Protein backbone atom coordinates (compact mmCIF):
# COMPACT_ATOMS: atom_id res chain seq x y z
CA MET A 1 0.00 0.00 0.00
CA SER A 2 1.31 3.42 -0.87
CA ALA A 3 1.96 5.35 2.33
CA ASN A 4 1.29 8.54 0.41
CA TYR A 5 -2.24 9.14 -0.87
CA TRP A 6 -0.92 11.40 -3.63
CA GLU A 7 1.08 8.51 -5.13
CA SER A 8 -1.61 5.87 -4.61
CA THR A 9 -3.72 4.11 -7.22
CA GLN A 10 -6.73 5.51 -5.39
CA ARG A 11 -5.78 9.03 -6.44
CA ARG A 12 -4.27 8.21 -9.84
CA HIS A 13 -6.96 5.84 -11.10
CA TRP A 14 -10.04 6.03 -8.87
CA THR A 15 -10.64 9.71 -8.14
CA PHE A 16 -12.93 11.36 -10.67
CA THR A 17 -14.45 14.73 -11.28
CA LYS A 18 -18.23 14.91 -10.91
CA GLU A 19 -18.48 15.23 -14.68
CA GLU A 20 -16.34 12.15 -15.31
CA LEU A 21 -18.38 10.06 -12.87
CA ALA A 22 -21.67 11.25 -14.35
CA ALA A 23 -20.39 10.48 -17.86
CA ALA A 24 -19.35 6.95 -16.84
CA ARG A 25 -22.78 6.26 -15.35
CA GLN A 26 -24.55 7.74 -18.34
CA LYS A 27 -22.52 5.54 -20.69
CA LEU A 28 -23.58 2.45 -18.76
CA GLU A 29 -27.22 3.48 -19.13
CA ASP A 30 -26.77 4.28 -22.82
CA ASP A 31 -25.21 0.87 -23.40
CA ASN A 32 -28.09 -0.85 -21.58
CA GLN A 33 -31.07 1.20 -22.70
CA GLU A 34 -33.48 -1.73 -22.86
CA LEU A 35 -32.70 -2.80 -19.28
CA VAL A 36 -32.98 0.79 -18.09
CA ARG A 37 -36.38 1.09 -19.77
CA MET A 38 -37.69 -2.19 -18.38
CA PHE A 39 -36.37 -1.79 -14.85
CA PRO A 40 -36.39 1.81 -13.60
CA LEU A 41 -34.43 2.41 -10.40
CA PRO A 42 -34.36 5.16 -7.77
CA GLN A 43 -31.70 7.86 -7.87
CA ILE A 44 -28.14 6.79 -7.06
CA ARG A 45 -28.19 8.30 -3.56
CA HIS A 46 -31.20 6.23 -2.57
CA LEU A 47 -29.52 3.12 -3.93
CA SER A 48 -26.43 3.98 -1.87
CA ILE A 49 -28.54 4.29 1.28
CA PHE A 50 -30.14 0.90 0.60
CA PHE A 51 -26.77 -0.78 -0.03
CA ASN A 52 -25.37 0.79 3.12
CA GLN A 53 -28.26 -0.66 5.11
CA LEU A 54 -27.53 -4.10 3.63
CA MET A 55 -23.87 -3.79 4.63
CA ILE A 56 -24.76 -2.70 8.16
CA ARG A 57 -26.99 -5.73 8.63
CA LEU A 58 -24.34 -8.13 7.36
CA SER A 59 -21.52 -6.46 9.32
CA LYS A 60 -23.47 -6.81 12.56
CA ARG A 61 -23.86 -10.53 12.01
CA ILE A 62 -20.18 -11.15 11.28
CA GLN A 63 -18.98 -8.39 13.64
CA ILE A 64 -16.62 -6.39 11.44
CA ARG A 65 -15.06 -2.97 11.98
CA GLN A 66 -16.26 0.27 10.40
CA GLN A 67 -13.00 0.44 8.43
CA CYS A 68 -14.00 -2.74 6.59
CA MET A 69 -17.46 -1.32 5.96
CA ALA A 70 -16.00 1.88 4.51
CA THR A 71 -13.65 -0.03 2.23
CA ALA A 72 -16.52 -2.24 1.06
CA GLN A 73 -18.58 0.82 0.18
CA VAL A 74 -15.75 2.24 -1.92
CA TYR A 75 -15.42 -1.08 -3.75
CA LEU A 76 -19.15 -1.02 -4.48
CA LYS A 77 -18.96 2.49 -5.95
CA ARG A 78 -15.97 1.59 -8.10
CA PHE A 79 -17.62 -1.59 -9.36
CA TYR A 80 -20.88 0.11 -10.30
CA SER A 81 -19.00 2.85 -12.11
CA ARG A 82 -17.95 0.16 -14.58
CA VAL A 83 -20.78 -2.40 -14.48
CA GLU A 84 -24.47 -1.69 -14.99
CA ILE A 85 -26.29 -2.54 -11.77
CA ARG A 86 -29.18 -4.25 -13.61
CA ARG A 87 -26.74 -6.88 -14.88
CA THR A 88 -25.82 -7.95 -11.34
CA ASN A 89 -27.31 -9.34 -8.16
CA PRO A 90 -26.71 -6.43 -5.75
CA TYR A 91 -27.17 -8.67 -2.70
CA LEU A 92 -24.33 -10.88 -3.89
CA VAL A 93 -22.18 -7.90 -4.89
CA VAL A 94 -22.65 -6.24 -1.48
CA THR A 95 -21.78 -9.50 0.28
CA THR A 96 -18.69 -9.92 -1.89
CA CYS A 97 -17.54 -6.35 -1.27
CA VAL A 98 -17.73 -6.93 2.48
CA TYR A 99 -15.91 -10.27 2.18
CA LEU A 100 -13.11 -8.78 0.06
CA ALA A 101 -12.80 -5.65 2.21
CA CYS A 102 -12.30 -7.80 5.31
CA LYS A 103 -9.39 -9.52 3.58
CA ILE A 104 -7.74 -6.27 2.51
CA GLU A 105 -8.24 -4.66 5.94
CA GLU A 106 -6.58 -7.71 7.56
CA ALA A 107 -9.74 -8.90 9.28
CA PRO A 108 -10.55 -11.94 7.09
CA GLN A 109 -13.80 -13.86 7.46
CA HIS A 110 -14.31 -17.44 6.30
CA ILE A 111 -16.20 -17.52 3.02
CA ARG A 112 -18.74 -20.08 4.28
CA LEU A 113 -19.50 -17.94 7.34
CA VAL A 114 -20.13 -14.90 5.15
CA VAL A 115 -22.35 -16.89 2.78
CA THR A 116 -24.29 -18.44 5.68
CA GLU A 117 -24.93 -15.10 7.36
CA ALA A 118 -25.88 -13.46 4.04
CA ARG A 119 -28.35 -16.27 3.36
CA THR A 120 -29.86 -15.73 6.81
CA LEU A 121 -30.57 -12.14 5.79
CA TRP A 122 -31.42 -12.57 2.11
CA GLY A 123 -32.12 -16.24 1.58
CA ASP A 124 -34.00 -15.65 -1.68
CA PHE A 125 -31.02 -13.93 -3.29
CA ILE A 126 -27.89 -15.69 -1.99
CA SER A 127 -26.98 -19.21 -3.08
CA LEU A 128 -25.67 -21.85 -0.66
CA ASP A 129 -22.89 -22.43 -3.18
CA ALA A 130 -19.89 -20.47 -1.85
CA SER A 131 -18.27 -20.63 -5.28
CA LYS A 132 -20.78 -17.99 -6.46
CA LEU A 133 -19.24 -15.53 -4.03
CA GLY A 134 -15.77 -16.58 -5.19
CA GLU A 135 -16.70 -15.91 -8.81
CA CYS A 136 -18.12 -12.52 -7.89
CA GLU A 137 -14.95 -11.72 -5.96
CA PHE A 138 -12.85 -12.48 -9.03
CA MET A 139 -15.06 -10.20 -11.15
CA LEU A 140 -14.84 -7.46 -8.53
CA ILE A 141 -11.04 -7.61 -8.40
CA SER A 142 -10.86 -7.68 -12.19
CA GLU A 143 -13.07 -4.61 -12.64
CA MET A 144 -10.96 -2.73 -10.11
CA SER A 145 -7.74 -3.82 -11.88
CA SER A 146 -6.51 -5.36 -8.60
CA GLN A 147 -6.17 -1.85 -7.13
CA LEU A 148 -7.66 -2.58 -3.74
CA MET A 149 -5.88 -0.43 -1.14
CA ILE A 150 -8.02 2.39 0.22
CA HIS A 151 -6.93 5.49 2.15
CA GLN A 152 -9.67 6.43 4.62
CA PRO A 153 -10.66 9.78 6.22
CA TYR A 154 -10.62 8.36 9.76
CA ARG A 155 -6.87 8.72 10.11
CA THR A 156 -7.06 12.46 9.40
CA LEU A 157 -9.81 12.88 11.98
CA GLN A 158 -7.78 11.07 14.62
CA ALA A 159 -4.63 13.06 13.81
CA LEU A 160 -6.35 16.46 14.01
CA ARG A 161 -8.56 15.88 17.01
CA GLY A 162 -6.04 17.20 19.53
CA GLU A 163 -4.68 19.95 17.32
CA LEU A 164 -8.16 21.38 16.75
CA ASN A 165 -9.22 20.99 20.41
CA MET A 166 -12.19 18.83 19.47
CA THR A 167 -14.34 17.45 22.25
CA GLU A 168 -15.36 13.80 22.40
CA GLU A 169 -18.80 14.88 21.20
CA ASP A 170 -17.28 16.74 18.23
CA SER A 171 -15.13 13.74 17.35
CA GLN A 172 -17.99 11.24 17.52
CA LEU A 173 -20.24 13.47 15.41
CA ALA A 174 -17.49 14.00 12.84
CA ARG A 175 -16.94 10.24 12.63
CA SER A 176 -20.65 9.70 12.12
CA ILE A 177 -20.67 12.27 9.33
CA ILE A 178 -17.70 10.52 7.68
CA ASN A 179 -19.64 7.25 7.85
CA ASP A 180 -22.55 8.94 6.10
CA ALA A 181 -20.22 10.46 3.49
CA PHE A 182 -19.60 6.96 2.17
CA MET A 183 -23.19 6.97 0.93
CA THR A 184 -22.32 9.95 -1.28
CA ASP A 185 -19.93 10.10 -4.24
CA LEU A 186 -17.23 11.81 -2.16
CA PRO A 187 -15.05 8.69 -1.71
CA VAL A 188 -14.50 8.61 -5.48
CA THR A 189 -14.48 12.35 -6.19
CA CYS A 190 -12.22 13.89 -3.54
CA ALA A 191 -9.29 13.15 -1.25
CA PRO A 192 -9.98 11.36 2.05
CA HIS A 193 -8.55 14.22 4.11
CA THR A 194 -11.02 16.60 2.43
CA ILE A 195 -13.91 14.38 3.57
CA ALA A 196 -12.50 14.36 7.10
CA LEU A 197 -12.14 18.15 7.21
CA ALA A 198 -15.64 18.72 5.85
CA ALA A 199 -16.97 16.34 8.52
CA ILE A 200 -15.04 18.19 11.24
CA LEU A 201 -16.45 21.50 10.06
CA LEU A 202 -20.02 20.20 10.06
CA ALA A 203 -19.50 18.61 13.48
CA LEU A 204 -18.51 22.02 14.82
CA VAL A 205 -21.45 23.91 13.34
CA LEU A 206 -24.29 21.39 13.52
CA ARG A 207 -26.45 21.32 16.62
CA PRO A 208 -25.59 18.32 18.82
CA ASN A 209 -29.28 17.41 19.12
CA GLN A 210 -29.55 17.74 15.35
CA GLY A 211 -26.74 15.40 14.40
CA PRO A 212 -26.16 13.87 10.97
CA GLY A 213 -29.84 13.08 10.39
CA ALA A 214 -30.63 16.76 10.21
CA SER A 215 -33.88 18.18 8.94
CA ALA A 216 -33.75 20.16 5.74
CA SER A 217 -34.06 23.48 7.56
CA GLY A 218 -31.50 22.49 10.16
CA ALA A 219 -29.18 21.20 7.44
CA ALA A 220 -29.51 24.47 5.56
CA ALA A 221 -28.54 26.35 8.71
CA GLY A 222 -25.57 24.06 9.16
CA LEU A 223 -24.50 24.65 5.58
CA ALA A 224 -24.78 28.42 6.00
CA ALA A 225 -22.63 28.30 9.11
CA ALA A 226 -20.11 26.04 7.40
CA GLN A 227 -19.92 28.35 4.39
CA ALA A 228 -19.28 31.30 6.68
CA ALA A 229 -16.33 29.49 8.29
CA LEU A 230 -14.96 28.45 4.89
CA SER A 231 -15.32 32.00 3.55
CA GLN A 232 -13.43 33.23 6.58
CA ALA A 233 -10.67 30.70 5.90
CA ARG A 234 -10.39 31.98 2.32
CA GLY A 235 -10.38 35.60 3.45
CA LEU A 236 -13.70 36.28 1.70
CA PRO A 237 -16.79 38.06 2.98
CA SER A 238 -19.40 35.84 4.57
CA PRO A 239 -21.88 34.58 1.92
CA SER A 240 -24.82 35.73 4.05
CA PRO A 241 -25.40 37.78 7.19
CA LEU A 242 -25.15 34.87 9.59
CA GLY A 243 -24.23 36.73 12.71
CA SER A 244 -22.12 39.36 14.33
CA SER A 245 -18.44 39.90 13.77
CA PHE A 246 -16.10 38.29 16.21
CA SER A 247 -12.56 39.50 16.73
CA ASN A 248 -9.84 36.88 16.52
CA PRO A 249 -6.18 37.83 16.83
CA LEU A 250 -5.25 35.23 14.20
CA ILE A 251 -7.72 36.27 11.52
CA GLY A 252 -9.04 39.66 12.53
CA SER A 253 -12.69 40.60 12.56
CA SER A 254 -14.78 38.30 10.37
CA PRO A 255 -18.42 37.23 10.25
CA LEU A 256 -18.99 33.97 12.08
CA PRO A 257 -22.10 31.85 12.51
CA SER A 258 -24.77 33.11 14.84
CA PRO A 259 -24.97 31.08 18.05
CA SER A 260 -28.55 30.20 17.11
CA LEU A 261 -27.19 28.25 14.15
CA LEU A 262 -24.79 26.36 16.34
CA GLN A 263 -26.82 25.39 19.38
CA PRO A 264 -30.30 26.88 19.40
CA GLY A 265 -32.22 26.23 22.55
CA VAL A 266 -29.13 25.66 24.68
CA ALA A 267 -29.11 27.88 27.73
CA ASN A 268 -25.49 27.36 28.68
CA LYS A 269 -23.71 30.32 27.10
CA GLY A 270 -20.35 28.86 28.07
CA GLN A 271 -20.98 25.92 25.75
CA LEU A 272 -21.90 28.33 22.95
CA GLY A 273 -18.73 30.31 23.52
CA ASP A 274 -16.58 27.17 23.51
CA ARG A 275 -18.14 25.99 20.28
CA LEU A 276 -17.72 29.39 18.62
CA THR A 277 -14.09 29.42 19.71
CA ARG A 278 -13.49 26.01 18.13
CA VAL A 279 -15.11 27.19 14.89
CA GLN A 280 -12.85 30.25 14.93
CA GLN A 281 -9.79 28.13 15.61
CA PHE A 282 -10.67 25.76 12.79
CA ALA A 283 -11.21 28.65 10.35
CA ALA A 284 -7.85 30.13 11.39
CA TRP A 285 -6.18 26.74 10.98
CA LEU A 286 -7.64 26.39 7.49
CA SER A 287 -6.52 29.88 6.50
CA ASP A 288 -2.94 29.01 7.49
CA SER A 289 -2.96 25.73 5.58
CA ASN A 290 -2.42 24.94 1.91
CA LEU A 291 -5.65 22.96 1.68
CA ASP A 292 -7.99 23.08 -1.28
CA ILE A 293 -10.81 25.12 0.27
CA PRO A 294 -13.06 24.98 -2.84
CA SER A 295 -12.97 21.17 -2.59
CA MET A 296 -13.99 21.46 1.04
CA VAL A 297 -16.89 23.69 0.02
CA ASP A 298 -18.01 21.11 -2.53
CA ALA A 299 -17.67 18.26 -0.02
CA THR A 300 -19.63 20.17 2.62
CA GLN A 301 -22.41 20.95 0.17
CA GLU A 302 -22.49 17.33 -1.00
CA ILE A 303 -22.94 16.02 2.55
CA ILE A 304 -25.65 18.55 3.40
CA SER A 305 -27.40 17.80 0.10
CA PHE A 306 -27.29 14.10 0.94
CA TYR A 307 -29.03 14.66 4.27
CA GLU A 308 -31.78 16.60 2.53
CA CYS A 309 -32.13 13.82 -0.07
CA GLN A 310 -32.22 11.19 2.68
CA GLU A 311 -35.52 12.57 3.93
CA ALA A 312 -37.20 11.46 0.69
CA TYR A 313 -35.74 7.93 0.82
CA ASN A 314 -38.30 5.15 0.54
CA GLU A 315 -36.79 1.82 1.56
CA LYS A 316 -39.80 -0.26 0.52
CA LEU A 317 -39.90 1.20 -3.00
CA THR A 318 -36.14 0.89 -3.47
CA LYS A 319 -36.16 -2.73 -2.31
CA GLU A 320 -39.08 -3.61 -4.57
CA GLN A 321 -37.41 -2.12 -7.64
CA ILE A 322 -34.14 -3.93 -7.00
CA ASN A 323 -35.81 -7.24 -6.22
CA ARG A 324 -37.89 -6.96 -9.38
CA PHE A 325 -34.98 -6.96 -11.82
CA VAL A 326 -32.99 -9.52 -9.82
CA LYS A 327 -35.91 -11.98 -9.92
CA ALA A 328 -37.01 -11.18 -13.48
CA ARG A 329 -33.53 -11.69 -14.89
CA GLY A 330 -32.80 -14.80 -12.83
CA LEU A 331 -29.79 -13.17 -11.19
CA ASP A 332 -30.64 -14.81 -7.86
CA LYS A 333 -29.79 -18.29 -9.11
């Protein structure tokens, strides 16, 4: 594994622009127009939520770490950027991604155990024949050109926690946001440290009682506060009148989020002050760094947009549409 993300196959071969990723997906649909017409599917974000739920259920049964889950989700995104989903059995592909990720993350699981547990969950879609999973694993590795090592955002979060004076609550919320980011396209469109920094920023500006599953209005407030901090880091005016100016010896007087956007309803002003201070410190830290702030802006907007989209997710409809093409095309055999 390359110790340096910038020299890794992940960056050189598996990091795309939004336009490149959209073009790849569109090409798959264009090449499979009849299948697309016969078997309509929900938007990609809703599919990602459904697949994530499948992985969570399987991971709980075989007791694997979040790192393995994250790697499996990246494999799934890579695979479906090259293979049309309607030509596969997603239940088998998800199971195979988890099985392969456990190997690569040095937490291997026996193939028969994985197959048995997957059959317990989705008996109608997973064969007792373990060789089916082996064949799918070979196809997965082939489509990814044997480039299997993944750099994750969690290491950046752990490294910066002390430097940014993050509380345990901040750290846990940031980690939860990173977990959710794997249901977006961010793992294949930006660097892992960018995902971590966007998660840290949102953890600092989101209300603790709001958390990652924010409402649309709360998410919009979080995005506004995040944009204010990012604008401050870039030395730009705040994009909207979010609050008063706060003087900081490192960055001068700049607009920062209103306390009501950070912790509305919290009576303890000391907590508000501490949180504002951490936002200021993070903005100052960003302004002194050589980080790609526009990429952070995009990542932050992507995560907030995902939370808004999540509110419209319909698990029953998504499951029915997936099961329909799997059964109709005999992909469960």
